[in-house]
């Protein structure tokens, strides 16, 4: 994506299972510092299903269905779709994606 002209601040990555290692690392500095990076909007931001409703829209939203239960996927995917300005990328089992979004992926 970055090679196609997107900037790091254009990208939001959401996980449904284990948090991305970057998110885990950044949260070790505290919740306020973590969300301040989000608000700055100058780098890729990683969050998990539990906090996606707090994330602002970005041009590109990447969802990693890397675990979690169906309720997490059912919550995250519609929110991610509404947060994606131009591109939504969903990584995971296509049958799981289709059942939650009701789409043919």
N, C-alpha and C. Protein backbone atom coordinates (compact mmCIF):
# COMPACT_ATOMS: atom_id res chain seq x y z
N UNK A 1 0.81 -1.18 0.00
CA UNK A 1 0.00 0.00 0.00
C UNK A 1 0.86 1.26 0.00
N UNK A 2 1.90 1.24 0.79
CA UNK A 2 2.76 2.42 0.86
C UNK A 2 3.45 2.68 -0.47
N UNK A 3 3.77 1.61 -1.20
CA UNK A 3 4.39 1.76 -2.52
C UNK A 3 3.42 2.37 -3.53
N UNK A 4 2.13 2.30 -3.28
CA UNK A 4 1.15 2.85 -4.21
C UNK A 4 0.79 4.30 -3.88
N UNK A 5 1.50 4.89 -2.94
CA UNK A 5 1.28 6.29 -2.63
C UNK A 5 0.54 6.57 -1.34
N UNK A 6 0.10 5.54 -0.67
CA UNK A 6 -0.55 5.74 0.63
C UNK A 6 0.51 6.16 1.64
N UNK A 7 0.11 6.97 2.60
CA UNK A 7 1.03 7.33 3.68
C UNK A 7 0.72 6.43 4.88
N UNK A 8 1.67 6.26 5.77
CA UNK A 8 1.39 5.43 6.95
C UNK A 8 0.16 5.90 7.73
N UNK A 9 -0.05 7.19 7.79
CA UNK A 9 -1.20 7.72 8.51
C UNK A 9 -2.54 7.42 7.86
N UNK A 10 -2.52 6.89 6.64
CA UNK A 10 -3.75 6.51 5.94
C UNK A 10 -4.30 5.17 6.42
N UNK A 11 -3.51 4.42 7.22
CA UNK A 11 -3.82 3.02 7.46
C UNK A 11 -4.18 2.75 8.92
N UNK A 12 -5.29 2.06 9.11
CA UNK A 12 -5.73 1.55 10.41
C UNK A 12 -5.77 0.03 10.29
N UNK A 13 -5.15 -0.67 11.22
CA UNK A 13 -5.17 -2.13 11.25
C UNK A 13 -5.91 -2.57 12.50
N UNK A 14 -6.90 -3.45 12.32
CA UNK A 14 -7.73 -3.93 13.42
C UNK A 14 -7.59 -5.44 13.51
N UNK A 15 -7.36 -5.95 14.71
CA UNK A 15 -7.28 -7.39 14.93
C UNK A 15 -8.47 -7.85 15.76
N UNK A 16 -8.89 -9.10 15.53
CA UNK A 16 -10.01 -9.65 16.29
C UNK A 16 -9.55 -10.64 17.36
N UNK A 17 -8.33 -11.10 17.24
CA UNK A 17 -7.78 -12.04 18.22
C UNK A 17 -6.68 -11.36 19.01
N UNK A 18 -5.51 -11.95 18.99
CA UNK A 18 -4.37 -11.36 19.68
C UNK A 18 -4.08 -9.98 19.11
N UNK A 19 -3.74 -9.01 19.97
CA UNK A 19 -3.38 -7.70 19.45
C UNK A 19 -2.08 -7.77 18.64
N UNK A 20 -1.94 -6.85 17.72
CA UNK A 20 -0.70 -6.74 16.97
C UNK A 20 0.43 -6.42 17.95
N UNK A 21 1.62 -6.97 17.75
CA UNK A 21 2.73 -6.69 18.68
C UNK A 21 3.03 -5.20 18.85
N UNK A 22 2.85 -4.41 17.81
CA UNK A 22 3.08 -2.97 17.93
C UNK A 22 2.11 -2.37 18.94
N UNK A 23 0.84 -2.75 18.86
CA UNK A 23 -0.17 -2.22 19.78
C UNK A 23 0.18 -2.61 21.21
N UNK A 24 0.57 -3.85 21.41
CA UNK A 24 0.96 -4.30 22.75
C UNK A 24 2.11 -3.47 23.28
N UNK A 25 3.11 -3.26 22.45
CA UNK A 25 4.28 -2.45 22.85
C UNK A 25 3.87 -1.03 23.20
N UNK A 26 3.10 -0.40 22.32
CA UNK A 26 2.73 1.00 22.55
C UNK A 26 1.81 1.16 23.75
N UNK A 27 0.95 0.19 24.00
CA UNK A 27 0.08 0.27 25.18
C UNK A 27 0.88 0.15 26.48
N UNK A 28 2.08 -0.40 26.39
CA UNK A 28 2.92 -0.50 27.61
C UNK A 28 3.31 0.89 28.12
N UNK A 29 3.19 1.91 27.28
CA UNK A 29 3.49 3.29 27.69
C UNK A 29 2.25 4.01 28.23
N UNK A 30 1.13 3.32 28.22
CA UNK A 30 -0.10 3.89 28.76
C UNK A 30 -1.13 4.20 27.69
N UNK A 31 -2.35 4.18 28.13
CA UNK A 31 -3.48 4.39 27.23
C UNK A 31 -3.46 5.77 26.59
N UNK A 32 -3.12 6.79 27.35
CA UNK A 32 -3.12 8.16 26.82
C UNK A 32 -2.09 8.32 25.70
N UNK A 33 -0.89 7.80 25.90
CA UNK A 33 0.16 7.90 24.88
C UNK A 33 -0.22 7.12 23.63
N UNK A 34 -0.81 5.96 23.84
CA UNK A 34 -1.24 5.12 22.72
C UNK A 34 -2.26 5.87 21.85
N UNK A 35 -3.29 6.41 22.46
CA UNK A 35 -4.32 7.10 21.69
C UNK A 35 -3.85 8.45 21.16
N UNK A 36 -2.87 9.05 21.79
CA UNK A 36 -2.28 10.29 21.25
C UNK A 36 -1.64 10.01 19.90
N UNK A 37 -1.03 8.83 19.76
CA UNK A 37 -0.45 8.46 18.46
C UNK A 37 -1.55 8.32 17.41
N UNK A 38 -2.66 7.74 17.81
CA UNK A 38 -3.81 7.63 16.91
C UNK A 38 -4.25 9.01 16.46
N UNK A 39 -4.42 9.90 17.42
CA UNK A 39 -4.92 11.24 17.11
C UNK A 39 -3.95 12.04 16.25
N UNK A 40 -2.65 11.78 16.39
CA UNK A 40 -1.65 12.47 15.56
C UNK A 40 -1.83 12.09 14.09
N UNK A 41 -2.22 10.84 13.83
CA UNK A 41 -2.53 10.40 12.48
C UNK A 41 -1.36 10.38 11.51
N UNK A 42 -0.15 10.24 12.03
CA UNK A 42 1.00 10.27 11.12
C UNK A 42 1.68 8.92 10.94
N UNK A 43 1.09 7.85 11.47
CA UNK A 43 1.66 6.52 11.32
C UNK A 43 0.53 5.50 11.25
N UNK A 44 0.85 4.31 10.80
CA UNK A 44 -0.11 3.21 10.83
C UNK A 44 -0.54 3.04 12.28
N UNK A 45 -1.82 2.84 12.50
CA UNK A 45 -2.31 2.65 13.86
C UNK A 45 -2.93 1.27 13.96
N UNK A 46 -2.57 0.56 15.01
CA UNK A 46 -3.05 -0.80 15.25
C UNK A 46 -3.94 -0.80 16.49
N UNK A 47 -5.11 -1.39 16.36
CA UNK A 47 -6.00 -1.53 17.51
C UNK A 47 -6.67 -2.89 17.44
N UNK A 48 -7.45 -3.19 18.45
CA UNK A 48 -8.13 -4.48 18.45
C UNK A 48 -9.64 -4.28 18.46
N UNK A 49 -10.34 -5.38 18.38
CA UNK A 49 -11.79 -5.35 18.26
C UNK A 49 -12.46 -4.59 19.40
N UNK A 50 -11.91 -4.69 20.59
CA UNK A 50 -12.52 -4.07 21.75
C UNK A 50 -12.49 -2.54 21.68
N UNK A 51 -11.55 -1.98 20.92
CA UNK A 51 -11.40 -0.52 20.89
C UNK A 51 -11.65 0.10 19.52
N UNK A 52 -12.07 -0.68 18.55
CA UNK A 52 -12.23 -0.15 17.19
C UNK A 52 -13.26 0.98 17.13
N UNK A 53 -14.25 0.96 17.99
CA UNK A 53 -15.25 2.02 17.95
C UNK A 53 -14.66 3.38 18.32
N UNK A 54 -13.51 3.37 18.98
CA UNK A 54 -12.84 4.62 19.35
C UNK A 54 -11.95 5.16 18.22
N UNK A 55 -11.62 4.31 17.28
CA UNK A 55 -10.73 4.70 16.18
C UNK A 55 -11.46 5.57 15.16
N UNK A 56 -10.76 6.57 14.67
CA UNK A 56 -11.31 7.46 13.65
C UNK A 56 -11.18 6.82 12.28
N UNK A 57 -11.90 7.37 11.33
CA UNK A 57 -11.81 6.88 9.95
C UNK A 57 -10.41 7.11 9.40
N UNK A 58 -10.00 6.19 8.55
CA UNK A 58 -8.75 6.31 7.80
C UNK A 58 -9.06 5.89 6.38
N UNK A 59 -8.22 6.31 5.45
CA UNK A 59 -8.45 5.97 4.04
C UNK A 59 -8.48 4.46 3.84
N UNK A 60 -7.58 3.75 4.53
CA UNK A 60 -7.47 2.31 4.40
C UNK A 60 -7.64 1.66 5.77
N UNK A 61 -8.52 0.68 5.83
CA UNK A 61 -8.68 -0.12 7.05
C UNK A 61 -8.41 -1.57 6.69
N UNK A 62 -7.50 -2.18 7.44
CA UNK A 62 -7.16 -3.59 7.28
C UNK A 62 -7.66 -4.32 8.51
N UNK A 63 -8.47 -5.34 8.30
CA UNK A 63 -8.98 -6.15 9.40
C UNK A 63 -8.34 -7.52 9.32
N UNK A 64 -7.71 -7.93 10.41
CA UNK A 64 -7.13 -9.27 10.51
C UNK A 64 -8.04 -10.11 11.40
N UNK A 65 -8.77 -11.03 10.78
CA UNK A 65 -9.59 -11.96 11.56
C UNK A 65 -8.66 -13.06 12.06
N UNK A 66 -7.89 -12.71 13.07
CA UNK A 66 -6.84 -13.60 13.57
C UNK A 66 -7.26 -14.30 14.85
N UNK A 67 -8.51 -14.59 14.98
CA UNK A 67 -9.02 -15.25 16.17
C UNK A 67 -10.22 -14.49 16.69
N UNK A 68 -10.48 -14.68 17.95
CA UNK A 68 -11.64 -14.05 18.53
C UNK A 68 -12.90 -14.82 18.16
N UNK A 69 -13.98 -14.47 18.81
CA UNK A 69 -15.23 -15.19 18.54
C UNK A 69 -16.02 -14.50 17.43
N UNK A 70 -17.12 -15.11 17.07
CA UNK A 70 -17.94 -14.57 15.99
C UNK A 70 -18.51 -13.20 16.35
N UNK A 71 -18.77 -12.98 17.63
CA UNK A 71 -19.30 -11.68 18.05
C UNK A 71 -18.29 -10.57 17.77
N UNK A 72 -17.01 -10.85 17.98
CA UNK A 72 -15.97 -9.85 17.69
C UNK A 72 -15.95 -9.53 16.20
N UNK A 73 -15.98 -10.55 15.37
CA UNK A 73 -15.98 -10.33 13.92
C UNK A 73 -17.25 -9.59 13.49
N UNK A 74 -18.38 -9.97 14.05
CA UNK A 74 -19.65 -9.34 13.70
C UNK A 74 -19.68 -7.87 14.10
N UNK A 75 -18.96 -7.51 15.13
CA UNK A 75 -18.88 -6.12 15.57
C UNK A 75 -17.86 -5.35 14.75
N UNK A 76 -16.70 -5.95 14.54
CA UNK A 76 -15.58 -5.26 13.89
C UNK A 76 -15.83 -4.99 12.41
N UNK A 77 -16.32 -5.95 11.68
CA UNK A 77 -16.42 -5.78 10.23
C UNK A 77 -17.34 -4.63 9.80
N UNK A 78 -18.53 -4.52 10.34
CA UNK A 78 -19.34 -3.36 9.95
C UNK A 78 -18.72 -2.02 10.38
N UNK A 79 -18.11 -1.98 11.56
CA UNK A 79 -17.44 -0.76 12.01
C UNK A 79 -16.26 -0.43 11.10
N UNK A 80 -15.50 -1.45 10.74
CA UNK A 80 -14.35 -1.23 9.85
C UNK A 80 -14.82 -0.72 8.50
N UNK A 81 -15.90 -1.27 8.00
CA UNK A 81 -16.43 -0.81 6.72
C UNK A 81 -16.82 0.66 6.80
N UNK A 82 -17.39 1.07 7.91
CA UNK A 82 -17.79 2.48 8.05
C UNK A 82 -16.59 3.39 8.27
N UNK A 83 -15.47 2.85 8.79
CA UNK A 83 -14.27 3.66 9.03
C UNK A 83 -13.36 3.76 7.81
N UNK A 84 -13.54 2.87 6.84
CA UNK A 84 -12.67 2.85 5.66
C UNK A 84 -13.11 3.91 4.67
N UNK A 85 -12.24 4.88 4.43
CA UNK A 85 -12.57 5.95 3.51
C UNK A 85 -12.61 5.50 2.06
N UNK A 86 -11.61 4.73 1.64
CA UNK A 86 -11.57 4.30 0.24
C UNK A 86 -11.32 2.81 0.07
N UNK A 87 -10.73 2.16 1.06
CA UNK A 87 -10.35 0.76 0.88
C UNK A 87 -10.48 -0.01 2.19
N UNK A 88 -11.18 -1.13 2.12
CA UNK A 88 -11.29 -2.06 3.24
C UNK A 88 -10.66 -3.37 2.81
N UNK A 89 -9.70 -3.83 3.58
CA UNK A 89 -9.05 -5.12 3.30
C UNK A 89 -9.33 -6.02 4.49
N UNK A 90 -9.86 -7.20 4.22
CA UNK A 90 -10.17 -8.15 5.28
C UNK A 90 -9.35 -9.40 5.04
N UNK A 91 -8.56 -9.77 6.03
CA UNK A 91 -7.72 -10.98 5.96
C UNK A 91 -8.31 -12.02 6.89
N UNK A 92 -8.63 -13.16 6.34
CA UNK A 92 -9.20 -14.22 7.15
C UNK A 92 -9.97 -15.19 6.28
N UNK A 93 -10.63 -16.11 6.92
CA UNK A 93 -11.41 -17.13 6.25
C UNK A 93 -12.57 -16.49 5.48
N UNK A 94 -12.60 -16.67 4.15
CA UNK A 94 -13.66 -16.04 3.35
C UNK A 94 -15.08 -16.43 3.79
N UNK A 95 -15.28 -17.66 4.22
CA UNK A 95 -16.60 -18.07 4.67
C UNK A 95 -17.02 -17.29 5.91
N UNK A 96 -16.07 -17.05 6.79
CA UNK A 96 -16.37 -16.27 8.00
C UNK A 96 -16.70 -14.83 7.62
N UNK A 97 -15.95 -14.27 6.72
CA UNK A 97 -16.20 -12.90 6.26
C UNK A 97 -17.58 -12.81 5.62
N UNK A 98 -17.88 -13.72 4.72
CA UNK A 98 -19.17 -13.72 4.03
C UNK A 98 -20.34 -13.84 5.01
N UNK A 99 -20.20 -14.70 6.00
CA UNK A 99 -21.30 -14.89 6.95
C UNK A 99 -21.55 -13.64 7.78
N UNK A 100 -20.51 -12.91 8.09
CA UNK A 100 -20.68 -11.71 8.91
C UNK A 100 -21.14 -10.52 8.07
N UNK A 101 -20.53 -10.33 6.91
CA UNK A 101 -20.88 -9.19 6.07
C UNK A 101 -22.07 -9.44 5.16
N UNK A 102 -22.39 -10.70 4.96
CA UNK A 102 -23.48 -11.03 4.05
C UNK A 102 -23.12 -10.67 2.61
N UNK A 103 -21.85 -10.89 2.29
CA UNK A 103 -21.37 -10.53 0.95
C UNK A 103 -20.64 -11.71 0.34
N UNK A 104 -20.48 -11.68 -0.94
CA UNK A 104 -19.71 -12.71 -1.64
C UNK A 104 -18.29 -12.22 -1.83
N UNK A 105 -17.42 -12.65 -0.96
CA UNK A 105 -16.01 -12.24 -1.02
C UNK A 105 -15.20 -13.34 -1.65
